[in-house]
Amino acid sequence: MFHDIWGPFDFRGLPHPDVEKQNAPRLAAALQSLDALLGVSAEPGDPTYFGSAEGHGVKIPEVIDGRGPDLTDLP
């Protein structure tokens, strides 16, 4: 199974802070570079089943008992 490498949880809702710590700054840097290249700030699109943007990163989803949402139910 593949994981959302920028957010705080994998698709099963399990925390993966080391993965987020390593990769989230790279996502932010890439998005900031695009802003600079295009001369405009990106606007977040509509939220999806898998999450939503916040600034130059991924918005933290609702956390219940230390877990994020389980997103493995889609085929």
PDB file of N, CA and C in Angstrom:
ATOM      1  N   MET A   1       0.841  -1.169   0.000  1.00  0.00           N
ATOM      2  CA  MET A   1       0.000   0.000   0.000  1.00  0.00           C
ATOM      3  C   MET A   1       0.891   1.239   0.000  1.00  0.00           C
ATOM      4  N   PHE A   2       0.475   2.270  -0.722  1.00  0.00           N
ATOM      5  CA  PHE A   2       1.210   3.516  -0.775  1.00  0.00           C
ATOM      6  C   PHE A   2       0.675   4.465   0.289  1.00  0.00           C
ATOM      7  N   HIS A   3       1.504   5.356   0.731  1.00  0.00           N
ATOM      8  CA  HIS A   3       1.135   6.282   1.793  1.00  0.00           C
ATOM      9  C   HIS A   3       1.162   7.713   1.295  1.00  0.00           C
ATOM     10  N   ASP A   4       0.361   8.550   1.926  1.00  0.00           N
ATOM     11  CA  ASP A   4       0.409   9.980   1.677  1.00  0.00           C
ATOM     12  C   ASP A   4       1.694  10.473   2.332  1.00  0.00           C
ATOM     13  N   ILE A   5       2.693  10.737   1.536  1.00  0.00           N
ATOM     14  CA  ILE A   5       4.021  11.006   2.094  1.00  0.00           C
ATOM     15  C   ILE A   5       4.176  12.408   2.660  1.00  0.00           C
ATOM     16  N   TRP A   6       3.141  13.252   2.535  1.00  0.00           N
ATOM     17  CA  TRP A   6       3.255  14.617   3.050  1.00  0.00           C
ATOM     18  C   TRP A   6       2.443  14.849   4.306  1.00  0.00           C
ATOM     19  N   GLY A   7       1.478  14.027   4.566  1.00  0.00           N
ATOM     20  CA  GLY A   7       0.590  14.218   5.704  1.00  0.00           C
ATOM     21  C   GLY A   7       1.039  13.455   6.931  1.00  0.00           C
ATOM     22  N   PRO A   8       0.380  13.690   8.048  1.00  0.00           N
ATOM     23  CA  PRO A   8       0.788  13.076   9.307  1.00  0.00           C
ATOM     24  C   PRO A   8       0.341  11.626   9.490  1.00  0.00           C
ATOM     25  N   PHE A   9      -0.537  11.121   8.589  1.00  0.00           N
ATOM     26  CA  PHE A   9      -1.048   9.758   8.738  1.00  0.00           C
ATOM     27  C   PHE A   9      -0.966   9.010   7.416  1.00  0.00           C
ATOM     28  N   ASP A  10      -0.828   7.684   7.502  1.00  0.00           N
ATOM     29  CA  ASP A  10      -0.898   6.889   6.283  1.00  0.00           C
ATOM     30  C   ASP A  10      -2.371   6.680   5.921  1.00  0.00           C
ATOM     31  N   PHE A  11      -2.647   5.943   4.848  1.00  0.00           N
ATOM     32  CA  PHE A  11      -4.024   5.767   4.397  1.00  0.00           C
ATOM     33  C   PHE A  11      -4.865   4.939   5.361  1.00  0.00           C
ATOM     34  N   ARG A  12      -4.243   4.218   6.272  1.00  0.00           N
ATOM     35  CA  ARG A  12      -4.989   3.462   7.285  1.00  0.00           C
ATOM     36  C   ARG A  12      -5.263   4.313   8.519  1.00  0.00           C
ATOM     37  N   GLY A  13      -4.730   5.532   8.551  1.00  0.00           N
ATOM     38  CA  GLY A  13      -4.930   6.425   9.683  1.00  0.00           C
ATOM     39  C   GLY A  13      -3.851   6.314  10.743  1.00  0.00           C
ATOM     40  N   LEU A  14      -2.824   5.527  10.471  1.00  0.00           N
ATOM     41  CA  LEU A  14      -1.733   5.371  11.428  1.00  0.00           C
ATOM     42  C   LEU A  14      -0.756   6.541  11.310  1.00  0.00           C
ATOM     43  N   PRO A  15      -0.315   7.084  12.429  1.00  0.00           N
ATOM     44  CA  PRO A  15       0.645   8.188  12.369  1.00  0.00           C
ATOM     45  C   PRO A  15       1.969   7.730  11.748  1.00  0.00           C
ATOM     46  N   HIS A  16       2.575   8.577  10.963  1.00  0.00           N
ATOM     47  CA  HIS A  16       3.928   8.330  10.451  1.00  0.00           C
ATOM     48  C   HIS A  16       4.717   9.643  10.481  1.00  0.00           C
ATOM     49  N   PRO A  17       5.033  10.089  11.713  1.00  0.00           N
ATOM     50  CA  PRO A  17       5.677  11.397  11.879  1.00  0.00           C
ATOM     51  C   PRO A  17       7.048  11.501  11.215  1.00  0.00           C
ATOM     52  N   ASP A  18       7.808  10.420  11.175  1.00  0.00           N
ATOM     53  CA  ASP A  18       9.131  10.494  10.552  1.00  0.00           C
ATOM     54  C   ASP A  18       9.017  10.715   9.049  1.00  0.00           C
ATOM     55  N   VAL A  19       8.034  10.083   8.423  1.00  0.00           N
ATOM     56  CA  VAL A  19       7.823  10.264   6.985  1.00  0.00           C
ATOM     57  C   VAL A  19       7.377  11.698   6.710  1.00  0.00           C
ATOM     58  N   GLU A  20       6.417  12.187   7.508  1.00  0.00           N
ATOM     59  CA  GLU A  20       5.950  13.562   7.323  1.00  0.00           C
ATOM     60  C   GLU A  20       7.081  14.566   7.557  1.00  0.00           C
ATOM     61  N   LYS A  21       7.857  14.352   8.594  1.00  0.00           N
ATOM     62  CA  LYS A  21       8.955  15.279   8.932  1.00  0.00           C
ATOM     63  C   LYS A  21       9.964  15.370   7.795  1.00  0.00           C
ATOM     64  N   GLN A  22      10.205  14.257   7.130  1.00  0.00           N
ATOM     65  CA  GLN A  22      11.182  14.234   6.040  1.00  0.00           C
ATOM     66  C   GLN A  22      10.615  14.825   4.751  1.00  0.00           C
ATOM     67  N   ASN A  23       9.340  14.571   4.469  1.00  0.00           N
ATOM     68  CA  ASN A  23       8.808  14.905   3.154  1.00  0.00           C
ATOM     69  C   ASN A  23       7.978  16.178   3.080  1.00  0.00           C
ATOM     70  N   ALA A  24       7.276  16.549   4.138  1.00  0.00           N
ATOM     71  CA  ALA A  24       6.424  17.741   4.082  1.00  0.00           C
ATOM     72  C   ALA A  24       7.209  19.004   3.719  1.00  0.00           C
ATOM     73  N   PRO A  25       8.415  19.201   4.250  1.00  0.00           N
ATOM     74  CA  PRO A  25       9.166  20.402   3.857  1.00  0.00           C
ATOM     75  C   PRO A  25       9.522  20.423   2.363  1.00  0.00           C
ATOM     76  N   ARG A  26       9.709  19.265   1.777  1.00  0.00           N
ATOM     77  CA  ARG A  26      10.011  19.228   0.334  1.00  0.00           C
ATOM     78  C   ARG A  26       8.794  19.612  -0.488  1.00  0.00           C
ATOM     79  N   LEU A  27       7.603  19.195  -0.044  1.00  0.00           N
ATOM     80  CA  LEU A  27       6.381  19.607  -0.730  1.00  0.00           C
ATOM     81  C   LEU A  27       6.222  21.119  -0.632  1.00  0.00           C
ATOM     82  N   ALA A  28       6.395  21.663   0.557  1.00  0.00           N
ATOM     83  CA  ALA A  28       6.261  23.107   0.756  1.00  0.00           C
ATOM     84  C   ALA A  28       7.251  23.869  -0.117  1.00  0.00           C
ATOM     85  N   ALA A  29       8.490  23.410  -0.170  1.00  0.00           N
ATOM     86  CA  ALA A  29       9.509  24.082  -0.985  1.00  0.00           C
ATOM     87  C   ALA A  29       9.147  24.033  -2.471  1.00  0.00           C
ATOM     88  N   ALA A  30       8.645  22.899  -2.930  1.00  0.00           N
ATOM     89  CA  ALA A  30       8.259  22.773  -4.342  1.00  0.00           C
ATOM     90  C   ALA A  30       7.109  23.716  -4.673  1.00  0.00           C
ATOM     91  N   LEU A  31       6.119  23.795  -3.792  1.00  0.00           N
ATOM     92  CA  LEU A  31       4.985  24.689  -4.041  1.00  0.00           C
ATOM     93  C   LEU A  31       5.399  26.157  -3.976  1.00  0.00           C
ATOM     94  N   GLN A  32       6.291  26.492  -3.061  1.00  0.00           N
ATOM     95  CA  GLN A  32       6.787  27.870  -2.983  1.00  0.00           C
ATOM     96  C   GLN A  32       7.590  28.231  -4.226  1.00  0.00           C
ATOM     97  N   SER A  33       8.339  27.272  -4.755  1.00  0.00           N
ATOM     98  CA  SER A  33       9.087  27.506  -5.994  1.00  0.00           C
ATOM     99  C   SER A  33       8.150  27.763  -7.165  1.00  0.00           C
ATOM    100  N   LEU A  34       7.041  27.018  -7.211  1.00  0.00           N
ATOM    101  CA  LEU A  34       6.059  27.258  -8.273  1.00  0.00           C
ATOM    102  C   LEU A  34       5.433  28.638  -8.139  1.00  0.00           C
ATOM    103  N   ASP A  35       5.126  29.037  -6.906  1.00  0.00           N
ATOM    104  CA  ASP A  35       4.595  30.389  -6.681  1.00  0.00           C
ATOM    105  C   ASP A  35       5.560  31.435  -7.242  1.00  0.00           C
ATOM    106  N   ALA A  36       6.840  31.273  -6.931  1.00  0.00           N
ATOM    107  CA  ALA A  36       7.846  32.237  -7.378  1.00  0.00           C
ATOM    108  C   ALA A  36       7.993  32.223  -8.900  1.00  0.00           C
ATOM    109  N   LEU A  37       8.009  31.031  -9.473  1.00  0.00           N
ATOM    110  CA  LEU A  37       8.164  30.901 -10.921  1.00  0.00           C
ATOM    111  C   LEU A  37       6.993  31.519 -11.675  1.00  0.00           C
ATOM    112  N   LEU A  38       5.794  31.290 -11.163  1.00  0.00           N
ATOM    113  CA  LEU A  38       4.595  31.789 -11.841  1.00  0.00           C
ATOM    114  C   LEU A  38       4.236  33.214 -11.449  1.00  0.00           C
ATOM    115  N   GLY A  39       4.816  33.699 -10.362  1.00  0.00           N
ATOM    116  CA  GLY A  39       4.552  35.060  -9.924  1.00  0.00           C
ATOM    117  C   GLY A  39       3.211  35.250  -9.237  1.00  0.00           C
ATOM    118  N   VAL A  40       2.582  34.172  -8.828  1.00  0.00           N
ATOM    119  CA  VAL A  40       1.301  34.233  -8.111  1.00  0.00           C
ATOM    120  C   VAL A  40       1.291  33.151  -7.049  1.00  0.00           C
ATOM    121  N   SER A  41       0.485  33.362  -6.030  1.00  0.00           N
ATOM    122  CA  SER A  41       0.339  32.343  -4.994  1.00  0.00           C
ATOM    123  C   SER A  41      -0.733  31.351  -5.417  1.00  0.00           C
ATOM    124  N   ALA A  42      -0.445  30.093  -5.198  1.00  0.00           N
ATOM    125  CA  ALA A  42      -1.411  29.047  -5.516  1.00  0.00           C
ATOM    126  C   ALA A  42      -2.612  29.151  -4.579  1.00  0.00           C
ATOM    127  N   GLU A  43      -3.754  28.786  -5.093  1.00  0.00           N
ATOM    128  CA  GLU A  43      -4.962  28.744  -4.280  1.00  0.00           C
ATOM    129  C   GLU A  43      -5.358  27.279  -4.096  1.00  0.00           C
ATOM    130  N   PRO A  44      -5.652  26.879  -2.863  1.00  0.00           N
ATOM    131  CA  PRO A  44      -6.036  25.487  -2.655  1.00  0.00           C
ATOM    132  C   PRO A  44      -7.355  25.180  -3.360  1.00  0.00           C
ATOM    133  N   GLY A  45      -7.437  23.995  -3.906  1.00  0.00           N
ATOM    134  CA  GLY A  45      -8.676  23.561  -4.532  1.00  0.00           C
ATOM    135  C   GLY A  45      -9.641  23.034  -3.487  1.00  0.00           C
ATOM    136  N   ASP A  46     -10.698  22.436  -3.954  1.00  0.00           N
ATOM    137  CA  ASP A  46     -11.685  21.854  -3.056  1.00  0.00           C
ATOM    138  C   ASP A  46     -11.100  20.645  -2.329  1.00  0.00           C
ATOM    139  N   PRO A  47     -11.533  20.409  -1.112  1.00  0.00           N
ATOM    140  CA  PRO A  47     -11.092  19.204  -0.401  1.00  0.00           C
ATOM    141  C   PRO A  47     -11.518  17.951  -1.168  1.00  0.00           C
ATOM    142  N   THR A  48     -10.743  16.899  -1.025  1.00  0.00           N
ATOM    143  CA  THR A  48     -11.090  15.610  -1.622  1.00  0.00           C
ATOM    144  C   THR A  48     -11.310  14.600  -0.502  1.00  0.00           C
ATOM    145  N   TYR A  49     -11.670  13.414  -0.875  1.00  0.00           N
ATOM    146  CA  TYR A  49     -11.840  12.335   0.096  1.00  0.00           C
ATOM    147  C   TYR A  49     -10.558  12.118   0.888  1.00  0.00           C
ATOM    148  N   PHE A  50      -9.420  12.350   0.240  1.00  0.00           N
ATOM    149  CA  PHE A  50      -8.120  12.066   0.842  1.00  0.00           C
ATOM    150  C   PHE A  50      -7.541  13.221   1.642  1.00  0.00           C
ATOM    151  N   GLY A  51      -8.138  14.391   1.565  1.00  0.00           N
ATOM    152  CA  GLY A  51      -7.641  15.500   2.359  1.00  0.00           C
ATOM    153  C   GLY A  51      -7.823  16.827   1.662  1.00  0.00           C
ATOM    154  N   SER A  52      -7.206  17.848   2.248  1.00  0.00           N
ATOM    155  CA  SER A  52      -7.285  19.182   1.667  1.00  0.00           C
ATOM    156  C   SER A  52      -5.981  19.923   1.916  1.00  0.00           C
ATOM    157  N   ALA A  53      -5.748  20.885   1.052  1.00  0.00           N
ATOM    158  CA  ALA A  53      -4.535  21.697   1.163  1.00  0.00           C
ATOM    159  C   ALA A  53      -4.717  22.762   2.229  1.00  0.00           C
ATOM    160  N   GLU A  54      -3.598  23.136   2.815  1.00  0.00           N
ATOM    161  CA  GLU A  54      -3.576  24.260   3.760  1.00  0.00           C
ATOM    162  C   GLU A  54      -2.220  24.921   3.608  1.00  0.00           C
ATOM    163  N   GLY A  55      -2.237  26.144   3.126  1.00  0.00           N
ATOM    164  CA  GLY A  55      -0.966  26.813   2.868  1.00  0.00           C
ATOM    165  C   GLY A  55      -0.183  26.060   1.801  1.00  0.00           C
ATOM    166  N   HIS A  56       1.044  25.732   2.111  1.00  0.00           N
ATOM    167  CA  HIS A  56       1.881  24.954   1.197  1.00  0.00           C
ATOM    168  C   HIS A  56       2.023  23.515   1.692  1.00  0.00           C
ATOM    169  N   GLY A  57       0.964  22.979   2.262  1.00  0.00           N
ATOM    170  CA  GLY A  57       1.015  21.625   2.785  1.00  0.00           C
ATOM    171  C   GLY A  57      -0.358  20.985   2.838  1.00  0.00           C
ATOM    172  N   VAL A  58      -0.462  19.968   3.658  1.00  0.00           N
ATOM    173  CA  VAL A  58      -1.684  19.190   3.798  1.00  0.00           C
ATOM    174  C   VAL A  58      -2.309  19.499   5.157  1.00  0.00           C
ATOM    175  N   LYS A  59      -3.588  19.812   5.150  1.00  0.00           N
ATOM    176  CA  LYS A  59      -4.303  20.108   6.393  1.00  0.00           C
ATOM    177  C   LYS A  59      -4.394  18.845   7.251  1.00  0.00           C
ATOM    178  N   ILE A  60      -4.174  19.004   8.539  1.00  0.00           N
ATOM    179  CA  ILE A  60      -4.263  17.866   9.447  1.00  0.00           C
ATOM    180  C   ILE A  60      -5.727  17.449   9.553  1.00  0.00           C
ATOM    181  N   PRO A  61      -6.014  16.163   9.300  1.00  0.00           N
ATOM    182  CA  PRO A  61      -7.402  15.717   9.370  1.00  0.00           C
ATOM    183  C   PRO A  61      -7.878  15.583  10.816  1.00  0.00           C
ATOM    184  N   GLU A  62      -9.149  15.316  10.982  1.00  0.00           N
ATOM    185  CA  GLU A  62      -9.691  15.065  12.308  1.00  0.00           C
ATOM    186  C   GLU A  62      -9.010  13.831  12.894  1.00  0.00           C
ATOM    187  N   VAL A  63      -8.582  13.963  14.139  1.00  0.00           N
ATOM    188  CA  VAL A  63      -7.864  12.878  14.821  1.00  0.00           C
ATOM    189  C   VAL A  63      -8.757  12.324  15.931  1.00  0.00           C
ATOM    190  N   ILE A  64      -8.927  11.008  15.924  1.00  0.00           N
ATOM    191  CA  ILE A  64      -9.711  10.328  16.950  1.00  0.00           C
ATOM    192  C   ILE A  64      -8.848   9.243  17.565  1.00  0.00           C
ATOM    193  N   ASP A  65      -8.644   9.322  18.869  1.00  0.00           N
ATOM    194  CA  ASP A  65      -7.809   8.354  19.593  1.00  0.00           C
ATOM    195  C   ASP A  65      -6.422   8.222  18.972  1.00  0.00           C
ATOM    196  N   GLY A  66      -5.853   9.358  18.514  1.00  0.00           N
ATOM    197  CA  GLY A  66      -4.507   9.364  17.968  1.00  0.00           C
ATOM    198  C   GLY A  66      -4.389   8.889  16.532  1.00  0.00           C
ATOM    199  N   ARG A  67      -5.522   8.622  15.888  1.00  0.00           N
ATOM    200  CA  ARG A  67      -5.498   8.135  14.501  1.00  0.00           C
ATOM    201  C   ARG A  67      -6.222   9.097  13.580  1.00  0.00           C
ATOM    202  N   GLY A  68      -5.755   9.139  12.352  1.00  0.00           N
ATOM    203  CA  GLY A  68      -6.444   9.893  11.320  1.00  0.00           C
ATOM    204  C   GLY A  68      -7.505   9.005  10.675  1.00  0.00           C
ATOM    205  N   PRO A  69      -8.129   9.482   9.628  1.00  0.00           N
ATOM    206  CA  PRO A  69      -9.169   8.688   8.976  1.00  0.00           C
ATOM    207  C   PRO A  69      -8.593   7.492   8.234  1.00  0.00           C
ATOM    208  N   ASP A  70      -9.346   6.403   8.221  1.00  0.00           N
ATOM    209  CA  ASP A  70      -8.981   5.220   7.436  1.00  0.00           C
ATOM    210  C   ASP A  70      -9.546   5.429   6.041  1.00  0.00           C
ATOM    211  N   LEU A  71      -8.663   5.541   5.061  1.00  0.00           N
ATOM    212  CA  LEU A  71      -9.063   5.847   3.688  1.00  0.00           C
ATOM    213  C   LEU A  71      -8.893   4.646   2.771  1.00  0.00           C
ATOM    214  N   THR A  72      -8.882   3.449   3.326  1.00  0.00           N
ATOM    215  CA  THR A  72      -8.614   2.251   2.532  1.00  0.00           C
ATOM    216  C   THR A  72      -9.881   1.597   1.981  1.00  0.00           C
ATOM    217  N   ASP A  73     -11.039   2.208   2.181  1.00  0.00           N
ATOM    218  CA  ASP A  73     -12.272   1.550   1.774  1.00  0.00           C
ATOM    219  C   ASP A  73     -12.639   1.773   0.309  1.00  0.00           C
ATOM    220  N   LEU A  74     -11.912   2.606  -0.405  1.00  0.00           N
ATOM    221  CA  LEU A  74     -12.194   2.800  -1.830  1.00  0.00           C
ATOM    222  C   LEU A  74     -11.472   1.748  -2.653  1.00  0.00           C
ATOM    223  N   PRO A  75     -12.125   1.252  -3.712  1.00  0.00           N
ATOM    224  CA  PRO A  75     -11.456   0.247  -4.562  1.00  0.00           C
ATOM    225  C   PRO A  75     -10.335   0.843  -5.378  1.00  0.00           C
TER     226      PRO A  75
END
